Amino acid sequence: MRSSRFMWGAIGLTASISTIVFAVGFAYAANQILFPKASGDLNLVTTAPKKETMIESKSKLQIVALGDSLTAGTGDNTGKGYVGRVREKLEKESGKPVFVLNNLAIPGYKSDQLLSDLALKKTQDALAQADIILLTIGGNDIFAGGEGLFKGDNQTEFNPEGALKRVEPALAKMEKVIQAINMANPNATVLYVGLYHPFLDLDPKKEGSLIVQRWNNSVFEMMNRYPRMAIVPTYDLFEQNLIKYLSSADHFHPNGDGYERIADRIVQILK
């Protein structure tokens, strides 16, 4: 009898304790829901202040251009080329004065000639003043004005071997060109206008396209090592609209419309 009473008493005590524990737990949970407390480990997300772009941070913009005939504007009847058009577009869109301090481009220049100029103090002094450096080079290295690029009875069939053998030596010089520009002004934004295939209509197999792509890819890899350098793609413009954008006078340089499209891309990258 005593054993039975003890057993029922223990059961009752256990039930009472369970009820109390449940009630305390329920009250605690309800309190957390109704009156939540901020965790000491909670990290509030804050928006980082927007960093000014190069254009926003300058009261005026100064351009120095160098390279070959594309930077000189050959083929454009207006004489502006892409450099003059970039100046106009950038000034209009930024609302700030934009100056072309120097256009040092020389038609016919190859990478070794540009490299020699980059060793000159006057060239280095010019580059040191630039906010933006615009550059074209390499087309004469590879295409050599058409020399050795055509075969067949009428010399109208594109010969890819003639261009391919010139790529690697020119790329070795191109890497030195990029290094020299960076040393002259590591703070400027440097934009290299990529090559296009001017003889695409004479190259039905598009073998020259692969050569141009190889060049552009290699230059991209070189410039990608520097945070303020970029390559401006142009190949696709001429791939689809070669006759529209190529000068009818020499079948090599862009015409005014071609330079206009190149300038649009440069300004788009700068923004």
Protein backbone atom coordinates (compact mmCIF):
# COMPACT_ATOMS: atom_id res chain seq x y z
CA MET A 1 0.00 0.00 0.00
CA ARG A 2 2.80 2.37 0.97
CA SER A 3 4.62 1.41 -2.21
CA SER A 4 1.58 2.30 -4.32
CA ARG A 5 1.21 5.66 -2.60
CA PHE A 6 4.92 6.42 -3.10
CA MET A 7 4.71 5.54 -6.80
CA TRP A 8 1.72 7.77 -7.44
CA GLY A 9 3.36 10.56 -5.48
CA ALA A 10 6.50 10.34 -7.61
CA ILE A 11 4.44 10.40 -10.78
CA GLY A 12 2.56 13.45 -9.59
CA LEU A 13 5.78 15.25 -8.66
CA THR A 14 7.30 14.50 -12.04
CA ALA A 15 4.20 15.76 -13.83
CA SER A 16 4.27 18.95 -11.79
CA ILE A 17 7.93 19.58 -12.56
CA SER A 18 7.33 18.96 -16.29
CA THR A 19 4.42 21.38 -16.28
CA ILE A 20 6.54 24.05 -14.59
CA VAL A 21 9.43 23.56 -17.04
CA PHE A 22 7.05 23.72 -20.00
CA ALA A 23 5.42 26.87 -18.68
CA VAL A 24 8.79 28.58 -18.12
CA GLY A 25 10.00 27.58 -21.60
CA PHE A 26 6.79 28.75 -23.21
CA ALA A 27 6.99 32.08 -21.40
CA TYR A 28 10.62 32.57 -22.49
CA ALA A 29 9.83 31.75 -26.11
CA ALA A 30 6.84 34.08 -26.16
CA ASN A 31 8.93 36.86 -24.65
CA GLN A 32 11.59 36.43 -27.38
CA ILE A 33 8.93 36.60 -30.06
CA LEU A 34 7.06 39.57 -28.59
CA PHE A 35 10.13 41.46 -27.39
CA PRO A 36 13.12 40.36 -29.49
CA LYS A 37 16.57 41.55 -28.45
CA ALA A 38 19.25 42.50 -30.95
CA SER A 39 22.08 40.02 -31.05
CA GLY A 40 25.46 41.32 -30.04
CA ASP A 41 26.95 39.52 -33.04
CA LEU A 42 24.61 41.14 -35.56
CA ASN A 43 26.55 42.99 -38.27
CA LEU A 44 24.55 45.77 -39.83
CA VAL A 45 25.03 46.00 -43.62
CA THR A 46 26.21 49.42 -44.67
CA THR A 47 26.48 50.69 -48.22
CA ALA A 48 30.04 51.62 -49.17
CA PRO A 49 30.38 55.14 -50.50
CA LYS A 50 30.44 55.25 -54.30
CA LYS A 51 33.94 55.78 -55.65
CA GLU A 52 34.30 58.56 -58.17
CA THR A 53 35.20 57.56 -61.70
CA MET A 54 38.22 59.08 -63.37
CA ILE A 55 35.98 61.40 -65.38
CA GLU A 56 34.00 62.51 -62.31
CA SER A 57 37.14 63.27 -60.33
CA LYS A 58 38.67 65.60 -62.94
CA SER A 59 37.78 69.22 -63.63
CA LYS A 60 39.13 68.78 -67.16
CA LEU A 61 40.33 65.84 -69.23
CA GLN A 62 43.59 65.65 -71.18
CA ILE A 63 44.20 63.16 -73.98
CA VAL A 64 47.48 62.06 -75.50
CA ALA A 65 47.32 59.78 -78.54
CA LEU A 66 50.05 57.80 -80.21
CA GLY A 67 50.65 55.01 -82.67
CA ASP A 68 50.07 54.63 -86.39
CA SER A 69 47.80 55.94 -89.14
CA LEU A 70 44.59 54.86 -87.42
CA THR A 71 45.31 57.22 -84.55
CA ALA A 72 46.39 59.86 -87.09
CA GLY A 73 42.91 59.54 -88.66
CA THR A 74 43.93 58.40 -92.15
CA GLY A 75 40.85 57.64 -94.26
CA ASP A 76 38.55 60.14 -92.54
CA ASN A 77 37.59 63.01 -94.85
CA THR A 78 36.80 65.23 -91.86
CA GLY A 79 40.32 64.80 -90.46
CA LYS A 80 38.93 64.08 -86.98
CA GLY A 81 39.64 60.35 -86.89
CA TYR A 82 38.60 58.54 -83.75
CA VAL A 83 40.71 60.82 -81.50
CA GLY A 84 38.91 64.02 -82.48
CA ARG A 85 35.55 62.30 -82.24
CA VAL A 86 36.34 60.95 -78.77
CA ARG A 87 37.23 64.46 -77.64
CA GLU A 88 33.92 65.87 -78.87
CA LYS A 89 31.79 63.05 -77.50
CA LEU A 90 33.53 63.00 -74.13
CA GLU A 91 33.20 66.75 -73.72
CA LYS A 92 29.50 66.62 -74.58
CA GLU A 93 28.72 63.74 -72.24
CA SER A 94 30.89 64.81 -69.30
CA GLY A 95 30.13 68.53 -69.49
CA LYS A 96 33.83 69.18 -68.88
CA PRO A 97 36.51 70.63 -71.14
CA VAL A 98 38.46 67.92 -72.97
CA PHE A 99 41.78 68.63 -74.66
CA VAL A 100 43.94 66.63 -77.06
CA LEU A 101 47.32 67.71 -75.73
CA ASN A 102 49.30 65.74 -78.32
CA ASN A 103 48.55 63.38 -81.15
CA LEU A 104 51.93 61.76 -81.71
CA ALA A 105 50.74 59.16 -84.20
CA ILE A 106 52.73 58.71 -87.41
CA PRO A 107 51.26 56.86 -90.43
CA GLY A 108 53.14 53.70 -91.29
CA TYR A 109 54.56 53.24 -87.80
CA LYS A 110 55.33 49.76 -86.53
CA SER A 111 55.78 48.64 -82.95
CA ASP A 112 59.58 48.95 -82.97
CA GLN A 113 59.36 52.57 -84.16
CA LEU A 114 56.83 53.42 -81.47
CA LEU A 115 59.04 51.73 -78.90
CA SER A 116 61.92 53.98 -79.94
CA ASP A 117 59.75 57.07 -79.56
CA LEU A 118 58.66 55.97 -76.09
CA ALA A 119 62.28 56.15 -74.97
CA LEU A 120 62.39 59.87 -75.83
CA LYS A 121 61.99 62.38 -73.03
CA LYS A 122 59.57 64.53 -75.03
CA THR A 123 57.26 61.53 -75.50
CA GLN A 124 57.47 60.59 -71.83
CA ASP A 125 56.77 64.20 -70.79
CA ALA A 126 53.70 64.29 -73.03
CA LEU A 127 52.36 61.01 -71.64
CA ALA A 128 52.95 62.17 -68.07
CA GLN A 129 50.37 64.95 -68.54
CA ALA A 130 47.63 62.66 -69.85
CA ASP A 131 44.47 61.52 -68.10
CA ILE A 132 43.66 59.33 -71.10
CA ILE A 133 46.12 57.67 -73.49
CA LEU A 134 44.76 56.38 -76.81
CA LEU A 135 46.80 53.92 -78.85
CA THR A 136 46.85 51.97 -82.11
CA ILE A 137 49.79 49.90 -83.29
CA GLY A 138 50.39 46.45 -84.77
CA GLY A 139 48.43 46.64 -88.02
CA ASN A 140 51.50 47.56 -90.04
CA ASP A 141 53.55 44.89 -88.28
CA ILE A 142 51.18 42.14 -89.35
CA PHE A 143 49.72 43.34 -92.64
CA ALA A 144 52.73 45.39 -93.86
CA GLY A 145 50.60 47.31 -96.32
CA GLY A 146 49.67 44.08 -98.06
CA GLU A 147 53.24 43.01 -98.78
CA GLY A 148 53.46 39.21 -99.09
CA LEU A 149 49.79 38.82 -98.16
CA PHE A 150 48.39 37.82 -101.53
CA LYS A 151 48.91 35.00 -103.96
CA GLY A 152 47.37 33.57 -107.09
CA ASP A 153 47.52 34.71 -110.69
CA ASN A 154 45.89 38.06 -109.94
CA GLN A 155 47.33 38.43 -106.44
CA THR A 156 43.83 38.59 -104.98
CA GLU A 157 43.87 35.49 -102.77
CA PHE A 158 44.73 36.19 -99.14
CA ASN A 159 47.85 34.39 -97.91
CA PRO A 160 47.59 33.85 -94.12
CA GLU A 161 51.17 32.58 -93.82
CA GLY A 162 52.42 36.00 -94.84
CA ALA A 163 50.78 37.58 -91.80
CA LEU A 164 51.17 34.72 -89.34
CA LYS A 165 54.97 34.74 -89.36
CA ARG A 166 54.99 38.38 -88.26
CA VAL A 167 52.77 37.99 -85.21
CA GLU A 168 55.13 36.67 -82.54
CA PRO A 169 58.01 39.13 -83.19
CA ALA A 170 55.53 42.01 -83.10
CA LEU A 171 53.91 40.77 -79.88
CA ALA A 172 57.30 40.74 -78.15
CA LYS A 173 57.71 44.42 -79.03
CA MET A 174 54.10 45.17 -78.11
CA GLU A 175 54.68 43.96 -74.59
CA LYS A 176 57.58 46.41 -74.25
CA VAL A 177 55.39 49.20 -75.63
CA ILE A 178 52.79 48.56 -72.93
CA GLN A 179 55.43 48.46 -70.21
CA ALA A 180 56.96 51.74 -71.41
CA ILE A 181 53.60 53.52 -71.44
CA ASN A 182 52.83 52.31 -67.92
CA MET A 183 56.21 53.53 -66.69
CA ALA A 184 55.65 56.94 -68.28
CA ASN A 185 52.24 57.35 -66.63
CA PRO A 186 50.87 54.56 -64.40
CA ASN A 187 47.84 56.67 -63.41
CA ALA A 188 46.42 57.36 -66.86
CA THR A 189 43.60 55.34 -68.42
CA VAL A 190 45.15 53.59 -71.43
CA LEU A 191 42.92 52.32 -74.23
CA TYR A 192 44.31 50.25 -77.09
CA VAL A 193 42.15 50.01 -80.21
CA GLY A 194 42.17 46.37 -81.23
CA LEU A 195 42.91 45.19 -84.77
CA TYR A 196 40.34 44.21 -87.38
CA HIS A 197 40.78 42.21 -90.61
CA PRO A 198 40.85 44.72 -93.49
CA PHE A 199 41.13 42.01 -96.17
CA LEU A 200 38.21 39.93 -94.97
CA ASP A 201 36.42 40.15 -98.32
CA LEU A 202 39.47 38.58 -99.99
CA ASP A 203 39.71 35.83 -97.38
CA PRO A 204 36.67 33.53 -97.83
CA LYS A 205 38.05 30.97 -95.37
CA LYS A 206 38.56 33.72 -92.76
CA GLU A 207 42.02 32.41 -91.97
CA GLY A 208 43.23 35.93 -91.35
CA SER A 209 40.48 36.36 -88.77
CA LEU A 210 42.14 33.78 -86.56
CA ILE A 211 45.42 35.68 -86.82
CA VAL A 212 43.76 38.94 -85.81
CA GLN A 213 42.00 37.20 -82.93
CA ARG A 214 45.28 35.73 -81.76
CA TRP A 215 46.87 39.18 -81.75
CA ASN A 216 43.99 40.81 -79.90
CA ASN A 217 43.80 38.03 -77.32
CA SER A 218 47.52 38.29 -76.63
CA VAL A 219 47.38 42.07 -76.24
CA PHE A 220 44.38 41.69 -73.92
CA GLU A 221 46.38 39.36 -71.69
CA MET A 222 49.25 41.86 -71.57
CA MET A 223 47.04 44.83 -70.74
CA ASN A 224 44.98 42.89 -68.23
CA ARG A 225 47.98 42.96 -65.86
CA TYR A 226 47.52 46.70 -65.45
CA PRO A 227 44.39 48.00 -63.68
CA ARG A 228 44.02 51.13 -65.82
CA MET A 229 44.47 49.55 -69.25
CA ALA A 230 41.85 48.06 -71.58
CA ILE A 231 41.49 46.93 -75.17
CA VAL A 232 38.73 48.37 -77.36
CA PRO A 233 37.24 45.66 -79.60
CA THR A 234 36.69 46.64 -83.23
CA TYR A 235 36.87 43.36 -85.12
CA ASP A 236 33.14 42.68 -85.00
CA LEU A 237 32.33 46.11 -86.45
CA PHE A 238 34.24 45.35 -89.65
CA GLU A 239 33.31 41.67 -89.66
CA GLN A 240 29.69 42.53 -90.37
CA ASN A 241 30.10 45.89 -92.12
CA LEU A 242 33.47 45.86 -93.86
CA ILE A 243 32.48 47.90 -96.90
CA LYS A 244 30.37 50.30 -94.85
CA TYR A 245 33.15 51.18 -92.40
CA LEU A 246 36.28 50.76 -94.53
CA SER A 247 37.77 53.56 -96.61
CA SER A 248 37.20 53.03 -100.33
CA ALA A 249 40.41 54.92 -101.04
CA ASP A 250 42.84 52.33 -99.67
CA HIS A 251 40.77 49.35 -98.46
CA PHE A 252 42.69 49.37 -95.19
CA HIS A 253 41.79 52.31 -92.95
CA PRO A 254 38.34 53.11 -91.52
CA ASN A 255 36.26 55.83 -93.13
CA GLY A 256 34.43 58.52 -91.16
CA ASP A 257 31.63 56.12 -90.17
CA GLY A 258 34.16 53.53 -89.03
CA TYR A 259 36.00 56.04 -86.86
CA GLU A 260 32.66 57.19 -85.45
CA ARG A 261 31.84 53.68 -84.25
CA ILE A 262 35.30 53.23 -82.77
CA ALA A 263 34.92 56.53 -80.91
CA ASP A 264 31.53 55.42 -79.57
CA ARG A 265 33.10 52.32 -78.06
CA ILE A 266 35.97 54.24 -76.50
CA VAL A 267 33.61 56.70 -74.81
CA GLN A 268 31.40 53.85 -73.63
CA ILE A 269 34.38 52.21 -71.92
CA LEU A 270 35.51 55.49 -70.37
CA LYS A 271 32.09 56.07 -68.83
